[in-house]
Amino acid sequence: MTALERVLEDFFAFWWEIEPLHATSVGLHMRDGELERWDAASLAQRGAGLRRFLEALERVRPEGTGARIDRDIVAGHIRWQLYALEQARFHESNPLLYLQGPLDTLYLMAVREYAPAGSRRRRGWPRSRACWPRPGRT
């Protein structure tokens, strides 16, 4: 495994952990019942992790055009995420951020036949409950 492949493997493990909705969207179902976390500690962890991976990618000197393109695409994605988090601060001004992703992924879980319907429903239920908690219950 090359240095770039190690960094990318570690980055995507981190990414799917902090972005469980995106994991579901691309067909990775290990976090189907989870939502992104937007509390201050999670935002700090997200920013620190993104900066750490950006620095790691900038140190890697991939061989070959394809590897350089892969590195540059992921580095660009990280730069955008850092901008969105620290400059634009969409999590403070865009309420759709908290609703659109969960709805989209619940829909994908319903229509993709990657597991029996009952299993998909059980896996999506915690995400659905987290989006719309009933008064007096968590």
N, C-alpha and C. Protein backbone atom coordinates (compact mmCIF):
# COMPACT_ATOMS: atom_id res chain seq x y z
N MET A 1 0.86 -1.17 0.00
CA MET A 1 0.00 0.00 0.00
C MET A 1 0.91 1.24 0.00
N THR A 2 0.58 2.18 -0.85
CA THR A 2 1.37 3.41 -0.93
C THR A 2 1.00 4.37 0.20
N ALA A 3 1.83 5.39 0.38
CA ALA A 3 1.55 6.40 1.41
C ALA A 3 0.22 7.08 1.12
N LEU A 4 -0.06 7.39 -0.13
CA LEU A 4 -1.33 8.03 -0.48
C LEU A 4 -2.50 7.11 -0.16
N GLU A 5 -2.39 5.85 -0.50
CA GLU A 5 -3.49 4.91 -0.22
C GLU A 5 -3.76 4.82 1.28
N ARG A 6 -2.70 4.83 2.10
CA ARG A 6 -2.89 4.79 3.56
C ARG A 6 -3.62 6.04 4.05
N VAL A 7 -3.19 7.21 3.57
CA VAL A 7 -3.84 8.45 3.99
C VAL A 7 -5.30 8.45 3.55
N LEU A 8 -5.56 8.04 2.31
CA LEU A 8 -6.94 8.03 1.81
C LEU A 8 -7.80 7.02 2.57
N GLU A 9 -7.25 5.87 2.88
CA GLU A 9 -8.00 4.87 3.64
C GLU A 9 -8.36 5.43 5.02
N ASP A 10 -7.40 6.05 5.68
CA ASP A 10 -7.66 6.64 7.00
C ASP A 10 -8.64 7.80 6.90
N PHE A 11 -8.50 8.62 5.86
CA PHE A 11 -9.42 9.75 5.69
C PHE A 11 -10.85 9.26 5.53
N PHE A 12 -11.06 8.27 4.66
CA PHE A 12 -12.44 7.83 4.43
C PHE A 12 -13.01 7.14 5.66
N ALA A 13 -12.22 6.45 6.46
CA ALA A 13 -12.72 5.90 7.72
C ALA A 13 -13.19 7.05 8.62
N PHE A 14 -12.40 8.12 8.70
CA PHE A 14 -12.78 9.32 9.46
C PHE A 14 -14.03 9.95 8.87
N TRP A 15 -14.06 10.10 7.56
CA TRP A 15 -15.17 10.77 6.88
C TRP A 15 -16.49 10.04 7.12
N TRP A 16 -16.49 8.73 6.98
CA TRP A 16 -17.74 7.98 7.17
C TRP A 16 -18.18 8.05 8.63
N GLU A 17 -17.24 8.20 9.54
CA GLU A 17 -17.60 8.34 10.95
C GLU A 17 -18.27 9.68 11.23
N ILE A 18 -17.73 10.77 10.67
CA ILE A 18 -18.33 12.09 10.95
C ILE A 18 -19.47 12.43 10.00
N GLU A 19 -19.59 11.70 8.90
CA GLU A 19 -20.64 11.95 7.90
C GLU A 19 -21.43 10.66 7.61
N PRO A 20 -22.14 10.14 8.61
CA PRO A 20 -22.86 8.88 8.39
C PRO A 20 -23.92 8.97 7.29
N LEU A 21 -24.48 10.16 7.05
CA LEU A 21 -25.46 10.30 5.98
C LEU A 21 -24.80 10.06 4.62
N HIS A 22 -23.59 10.58 4.45
CA HIS A 22 -22.89 10.35 3.19
C HIS A 22 -22.51 8.88 3.03
N ALA A 23 -22.16 8.23 4.13
CA ALA A 23 -21.85 6.80 4.06
C ALA A 23 -23.06 6.04 3.52
N THR A 24 -24.24 6.33 4.06
CA THR A 24 -25.45 5.68 3.58
C THR A 24 -25.69 6.00 2.11
N SER A 25 -25.50 7.25 1.73
CA SER A 25 -25.75 7.68 0.35
C SER A 25 -24.93 6.91 -0.66
N VAL A 26 -23.69 6.56 -0.29
CA VAL A 26 -22.83 5.84 -1.24
C VAL A 26 -22.93 4.33 -1.09
N GLY A 27 -23.83 3.88 -0.21
CA GLY A 27 -24.08 2.45 -0.10
C GLY A 27 -23.33 1.75 1.02
N LEU A 28 -22.74 2.50 1.93
CA LEU A 28 -22.09 1.92 3.11
C LEU A 28 -23.07 2.03 4.27
N HIS A 29 -23.52 0.91 4.78
CA HIS A 29 -24.65 0.91 5.71
C HIS A 29 -24.27 0.63 7.16
N MET A 30 -23.00 0.78 7.52
CA MET A 30 -22.59 0.51 8.89
C MET A 30 -23.06 1.58 9.87
N ARG A 31 -23.52 2.73 9.39
CA ARG A 31 -23.96 3.84 10.27
C ARG A 31 -25.37 4.32 9.90
N ASP A 32 -26.20 3.41 9.43
CA ASP A 32 -27.53 3.80 8.95
C ASP A 32 -28.39 4.47 10.01
N GLY A 33 -28.20 4.16 11.25
CA GLY A 33 -29.04 4.74 12.29
C GLY A 33 -28.51 6.04 12.86
N GLU A 34 -27.42 6.57 12.30
CA GLU A 34 -26.78 7.74 12.87
C GLU A 34 -27.00 9.00 12.04
N LEU A 35 -26.84 10.14 12.70
CA LEU A 35 -26.87 11.45 12.06
C LEU A 35 -25.54 12.15 12.32
N GLU A 36 -25.25 13.16 11.51
CA GLU A 36 -24.09 13.99 11.78
C GLU A 36 -24.31 14.70 13.11
N ARG A 37 -23.22 15.00 13.77
CA ARG A 37 -23.29 15.71 15.04
C ARG A 37 -22.81 17.13 14.82
N TRP A 38 -23.56 18.08 15.38
CA TRP A 38 -23.26 19.50 15.16
C TRP A 38 -22.99 20.24 16.46
N ASP A 39 -22.73 19.54 17.53
CA ASP A 39 -22.39 20.20 18.79
C ASP A 39 -20.96 20.74 18.70
N ALA A 40 -20.60 21.63 19.61
CA ALA A 40 -19.31 22.31 19.55
C ALA A 40 -18.13 21.33 19.56
N ALA A 41 -18.20 20.31 20.40
CA ALA A 41 -17.09 19.34 20.47
C ALA A 41 -16.95 18.58 19.16
N SER A 42 -18.07 18.19 18.56
CA SER A 42 -18.02 17.46 17.29
C SER A 42 -17.50 18.35 16.17
N LEU A 43 -17.90 19.62 16.16
CA LEU A 43 -17.41 20.55 15.15
C LEU A 43 -15.90 20.76 15.29
N ALA A 44 -15.42 20.84 16.53
CA ALA A 44 -13.98 20.98 16.76
C ALA A 44 -13.24 19.73 16.29
N GLN A 45 -13.80 18.55 16.58
CA GLN A 45 -13.19 17.29 16.13
C GLN A 45 -13.16 17.23 14.61
N ARG A 46 -14.25 17.62 13.98
CA ARG A 46 -14.35 17.63 12.53
C ARG A 46 -13.27 18.53 11.93
N GLY A 47 -13.17 19.77 12.41
CA GLY A 47 -12.18 20.70 11.89
C GLY A 47 -10.76 20.21 12.08
N ALA A 48 -10.46 19.71 13.28
CA ALA A 48 -9.10 19.22 13.56
C ALA A 48 -8.76 18.03 12.66
N GLY A 49 -9.70 17.13 12.49
CA GLY A 49 -9.46 15.97 11.64
C GLY A 49 -9.26 16.37 10.19
N LEU A 50 -10.09 17.26 9.70
CA LEU A 50 -9.95 17.71 8.31
C LEU A 50 -8.60 18.39 8.08
N ARG A 51 -8.18 19.23 9.02
CA ARG A 51 -6.87 19.89 8.88
C ARG A 51 -5.74 18.86 8.91
N ARG A 52 -5.85 17.89 9.80
CA ARG A 52 -4.83 16.84 9.90
C ARG A 52 -4.70 16.07 8.58
N PHE A 53 -5.83 15.72 7.98
CA PHE A 53 -5.77 14.97 6.72
C PHE A 53 -5.31 15.83 5.56
N LEU A 54 -5.67 17.10 5.56
CA LEU A 54 -5.19 17.99 4.51
C LEU A 54 -3.67 18.10 4.58
N GLU A 55 -3.14 18.26 5.77
CA GLU A 55 -1.67 18.33 5.93
C GLU A 55 -1.02 17.03 5.48
N ALA A 56 -1.62 15.90 5.83
CA ALA A 56 -1.06 14.61 5.43
C ALA A 56 -1.06 14.47 3.91
N LEU A 57 -2.14 14.89 3.26
CA LEU A 57 -2.22 14.81 1.80
C LEU A 57 -1.20 15.73 1.14
N GLU A 58 -0.99 16.89 1.72
CA GLU A 58 -0.03 17.83 1.14
C GLU A 58 1.41 17.33 1.26
N ARG A 59 1.68 16.46 2.23
CA ARG A 59 3.02 15.88 2.38
C ARG A 59 3.27 14.72 1.41
N VAL A 60 2.20 14.08 0.95
CA VAL A 60 2.34 12.92 0.07
C VAL A 60 2.74 13.37 -1.33
N ARG A 61 3.67 12.68 -1.92
CA ARG A 61 4.11 12.94 -3.30
C ARG A 61 3.77 11.71 -4.14
N PRO A 62 2.54 11.65 -4.63
CA PRO A 62 2.12 10.46 -5.38
C PRO A 62 2.84 10.34 -6.72
N GLU A 63 3.01 9.11 -7.13
CA GLU A 63 3.59 8.84 -8.43
C GLU A 63 2.46 8.55 -9.40
N GLY A 64 2.53 9.18 -10.54
CA GLY A 64 1.53 8.94 -11.57
C GLY A 64 0.41 9.97 -11.55
N THR A 65 -0.11 10.20 -12.72
CA THR A 65 -1.16 11.21 -12.89
C THR A 65 -2.43 10.84 -12.12
N GLY A 66 -2.84 9.60 -12.19
CA GLY A 66 -4.06 9.18 -11.50
C GLY A 66 -3.99 9.39 -10.01
N ALA A 67 -2.86 9.04 -9.42
CA ALA A 67 -2.69 9.21 -7.98
C ALA A 67 -2.68 10.69 -7.61
N ARG A 68 -2.06 11.52 -8.43
CA ARG A 68 -2.06 12.97 -8.15
C ARG A 68 -3.47 13.53 -8.24
N ILE A 69 -4.22 13.08 -9.23
CA ILE A 69 -5.61 13.53 -9.36
C ILE A 69 -6.42 13.11 -8.14
N ASP A 70 -6.27 11.86 -7.71
CA ASP A 70 -6.98 11.39 -6.52
C ASP A 70 -6.65 12.26 -5.32
N ARG A 71 -5.37 12.51 -5.10
CA ARG A 71 -4.95 13.34 -3.97
C ARG A 71 -5.57 14.73 -4.08
N ASP A 72 -5.50 15.33 -5.27
CA ASP A 72 -5.99 16.70 -5.45
C ASP A 72 -7.50 16.79 -5.28
N ILE A 73 -8.23 15.78 -5.71
CA ILE A 73 -9.69 15.78 -5.54
C ILE A 73 -10.05 15.73 -4.06
N VAL A 74 -9.42 14.83 -3.33
CA VAL A 74 -9.74 14.71 -1.90
C VAL A 74 -9.27 15.96 -1.15
N ALA A 75 -8.10 16.48 -1.48
CA ALA A 75 -7.62 17.71 -0.83
C ALA A 75 -8.57 18.87 -1.11
N GLY A 76 -9.06 18.97 -2.34
CA GLY A 76 -10.03 20.02 -2.66
C GLY A 76 -11.32 19.86 -1.88
N HIS A 77 -11.76 18.62 -1.74
CA HIS A 77 -12.96 18.35 -0.94
C HIS A 77 -12.76 18.79 0.51
N ILE A 78 -11.60 18.47 1.06
CA ILE A 78 -11.31 18.85 2.44
C ILE A 78 -11.27 20.37 2.57
N ARG A 79 -10.64 21.04 1.62
CA ARG A 79 -10.60 22.52 1.67
C ARG A 79 -12.02 23.10 1.65
N TRP A 80 -12.87 22.53 0.82
CA TRP A 80 -14.26 23.01 0.77
C TRP A 80 -14.95 22.77 2.10
N GLN A 81 -14.76 21.60 2.68
CA GLN A 81 -15.39 21.29 3.97
C GLN A 81 -14.90 22.24 5.06
N LEU A 82 -13.61 22.54 5.06
CA LEU A 82 -13.09 23.49 6.04
C LEU A 82 -13.66 24.89 5.82
N TYR A 83 -13.80 25.29 4.57
CA TYR A 83 -14.43 26.59 4.27
C TYR A 83 -15.87 26.60 4.78
N ALA A 84 -16.62 25.55 4.46
CA ALA A 84 -18.03 25.47 4.88
C ALA A 84 -18.15 25.49 6.40
N LEU A 85 -17.23 24.84 7.07
CA LEU A 85 -17.27 24.75 8.53
C LEU A 85 -16.82 26.04 9.20
N GLU A 86 -15.72 26.61 8.73
CA GLU A 86 -15.08 27.71 9.46
C GLU A 86 -15.37 29.10 8.90
N GLN A 87 -15.65 29.21 7.63
CA GLN A 87 -15.90 30.52 7.01
C GLN A 87 -17.40 30.73 6.76
N ALA A 88 -17.97 29.90 5.93
CA ALA A 88 -19.39 30.06 5.58
C ALA A 88 -20.29 29.69 6.76
N ARG A 89 -19.88 28.71 7.56
CA ARG A 89 -20.61 28.28 8.76
C ARG A 89 -22.07 27.93 8.43
N PHE A 90 -22.23 27.12 7.39
CA PHE A 90 -23.57 26.73 6.96
C PHE A 90 -24.37 26.09 8.08
N HIS A 91 -23.71 25.40 9.00
CA HIS A 91 -24.41 24.73 10.10
C HIS A 91 -25.12 25.73 11.01
N GLU A 92 -24.78 27.02 10.91
CA GLU A 92 -25.44 28.04 11.72
C GLU A 92 -26.56 28.77 10.97
N SER A 93 -26.56 28.67 9.65
CA SER A 93 -27.49 29.50 8.88
C SER A 93 -28.42 28.74 7.94
N ASN A 94 -28.19 27.45 7.73
CA ASN A 94 -28.99 26.72 6.76
C ASN A 94 -29.75 25.58 7.44
N PRO A 95 -31.02 25.79 7.77
CA PRO A 95 -31.77 24.74 8.46
C PRO A 95 -31.96 23.48 7.62
N LEU A 96 -31.87 23.60 6.29
CA LEU A 96 -32.00 22.41 5.45
C LEU A 96 -30.88 21.40 5.71
N LEU A 97 -29.76 21.87 6.19
CA LEU A 97 -28.65 20.99 6.51
C LEU A 97 -29.08 19.90 7.47
N TYR A 98 -29.99 20.22 8.37
CA TYR A 98 -30.43 19.28 9.40
C TYR A 98 -31.60 18.40 8.96
N LEU A 99 -32.20 18.71 7.85
CA LEU A 99 -33.38 17.98 7.41
C LEU A 99 -33.19 17.27 6.08
N GLN A 100 -32.58 17.92 5.10
CA GLN A 100 -32.48 17.35 3.76
C GLN A 100 -31.68 16.06 3.73
N GLY A 101 -30.51 16.04 4.37
CA GLY A 101 -29.68 14.84 4.37
C GLY A 101 -30.37 13.64 4.98
N PRO A 102 -30.93 13.79 6.18
CA PRO A 102 -31.64 12.64 6.76
C PRO A 102 -32.80 12.16 5.90
N LEU A 103 -33.58 13.08 5.34
CA LEU A 103 -34.69 12.67 4.49
C LEU A 103 -34.21 11.95 3.24
N ASP A 104 -33.18 12.50 2.61
CA ASP A 104 -32.63 11.86 1.40
C ASP A 104 -32.15 10.45 1.69
N THR A 105 -31.42 10.28 2.78
CA THR A 105 -30.87 8.95 3.05
C THR A 105 -31.93 7.98 3.54
N LEU A 106 -32.94 8.45 4.27
CA LEU A 106 -34.04 7.56 4.63
C LEU A 106 -34.76 7.08 3.36
N TYR A 107 -34.92 7.98 2.41
CA TYR A 107 -35.52 7.59 1.13
C TYR A 107 -34.66 6.52 0.44
N LEU A 108 -33.35 6.76 0.37
CA LEU A 108 -32.46 5.79 -0.28
C LEU A 108 -32.51 4.44 0.42
N MET A 109 -32.58 4.46 1.74
CA MET A 109 -32.67 3.20 2.47
C MET A 109 -33.97 2.48 2.15
N ALA A 110 -35.03 3.22 1.89
CA ALA A 110 -36.32 2.61 1.58
C ALA A 110 -36.36 2.00 0.18
N VAL A 111 -35.73 2.66 -0.78
CA VAL A 111 -35.88 2.20 -2.17
C VAL A 111 -34.75 1.29 -2.65
N ARG A 112 -33.60 1.32 -2.02
CA ARG A 112 -32.50 0.42 -2.41
C ARG A 112 -32.72 -0.93 -1.74
N GLU A 113 -32.64 -1.96 -2.52
CA GLU A 113 -32.90 -3.30 -1.99
C GLU A 113 -31.61 -4.00 -1.60
N TYR A 114 -30.82 -3.39 -0.71
CA TYR A 114 -29.57 -3.98 -0.25
C TYR A 114 -29.78 -4.95 0.90
N ALA A 115 -30.97 -4.94 1.48
CA ALA A 115 -31.32 -5.81 2.60
C ALA A 115 -32.84 -5.97 2.58
N PRO A 116 -33.38 -6.99 3.28
CA PRO A 116 -34.84 -7.11 3.36
C PRO A 116 -35.46 -5.83 3.92
N ALA A 117 -36.68 -5.55 3.48
CA ALA A 117 -37.35 -4.30 3.87
C ALA A 117 -37.42 -4.13 5.38
N GLY A 118 -37.73 -5.18 6.12
CA GLY A 118 -37.83 -5.07 7.57
C GLY A 118 -36.50 -4.69 8.20
N SER A 119 -35.44 -5.23 7.68
CA SER A 119 -34.10 -4.90 8.18
C SER A 119 -33.76 -3.44 7.89
N ARG A 120 -34.09 -2.98 6.69
CA ARG A 120 -33.82 -1.58 6.34
C ARG A 120 -34.63 -0.65 7.23
N ARG A 121 -35.86 -1.02 7.52
CA ARG A 121 -36.71 -0.20 8.40
C ARG A 121 -36.10 -0.14 9.80
N ARG A 122 -35.70 -1.28 10.34
CA ARG A 122 -35.10 -1.30 11.68
C ARG A 122 -33.81 -0.49 11.73
N ARG A 123 -33.00 -0.54 10.68
CA ARG A 123 -31.73 0.20 10.66
C ARG A 123 -31.97 1.71 10.51
N GLY A 124 -33.02 2.09 9.83
CA GLY A 124 -33.31 3.51 9.64
C GLY A 124 -34.10 4.15 10.76
N TRP A 125 -34.74 3.32 11.58
CA TRP A 125 -35.60 3.86 12.64
C TRP A 125 -34.85 4.79 13.59
N PRO A 126 -33.66 4.44 14.09
CA PRO A 126 -32.97 5.38 14.99
C PRO A 126 -32.69 6.74 14.34
N ARG A 127 -32.37 6.73 13.06
CA ARG A 127 -32.12 8.00 12.35
C ARG A 127 -33.41 8.80 12.27
N SER A 128 -34.50 8.13 11.95
CA SER A 128 -35.79 8.80 11.86
C SER A 128 -36.19 9.38 13.21
N ARG A 129 -36.01 8.63 14.28
CA ARG A 129 -36.36 9.11 15.62
C ARG A 129 -35.49 10.29 16.02
N ALA A 130 -34.23 10.27 15.63
CA ALA A 130 -33.32 11.37 15.97
C ALA A 130 -33.74 12.66 15.26
N CYS A 131 -34.32 12.53 14.08
CA CYS A 131 -34.74 13.72 13.33
C CYS A 131 -35.99 14.35 13.92
N TRP A 132 -36.88 13.52 14.41
CA TRP A 132 -38.16 14.02 14.87
C TRP A 132 -38.50 13.46 16.24
N PRO A 133 -37.75 13.85 17.28
CA PRO A 133 -38.08 13.35 18.61
C PRO A 133 -39.43 13.89 19.07
N ARG A 134 -40.16 13.07 19.77
CA ARG A 134 -41.45 13.51 20.29
C ARG A 134 -41.23 14.27 21.59
N PRO A 135 -42.06 15.27 21.85
CA PRO A 135 -41.91 16.03 23.10
C PRO A 135 -41.91 15.12 24.31
N GLY A 136 -40.98 15.36 25.22
CA GLY A 136 -40.91 14.56 26.44
C GLY A 136 -40.16 13.26 26.28
N ARG A 137 -39.71 12.95 25.06
CA ARG A 137 -38.95 11.73 24.82
C ARG A 137 -37.70 12.06 24.05
N THR A 138 -36.70 11.21 24.17
CA THR A 138 -35.47 11.40 23.42
C THR A 138 -35.27 10.28 22.44
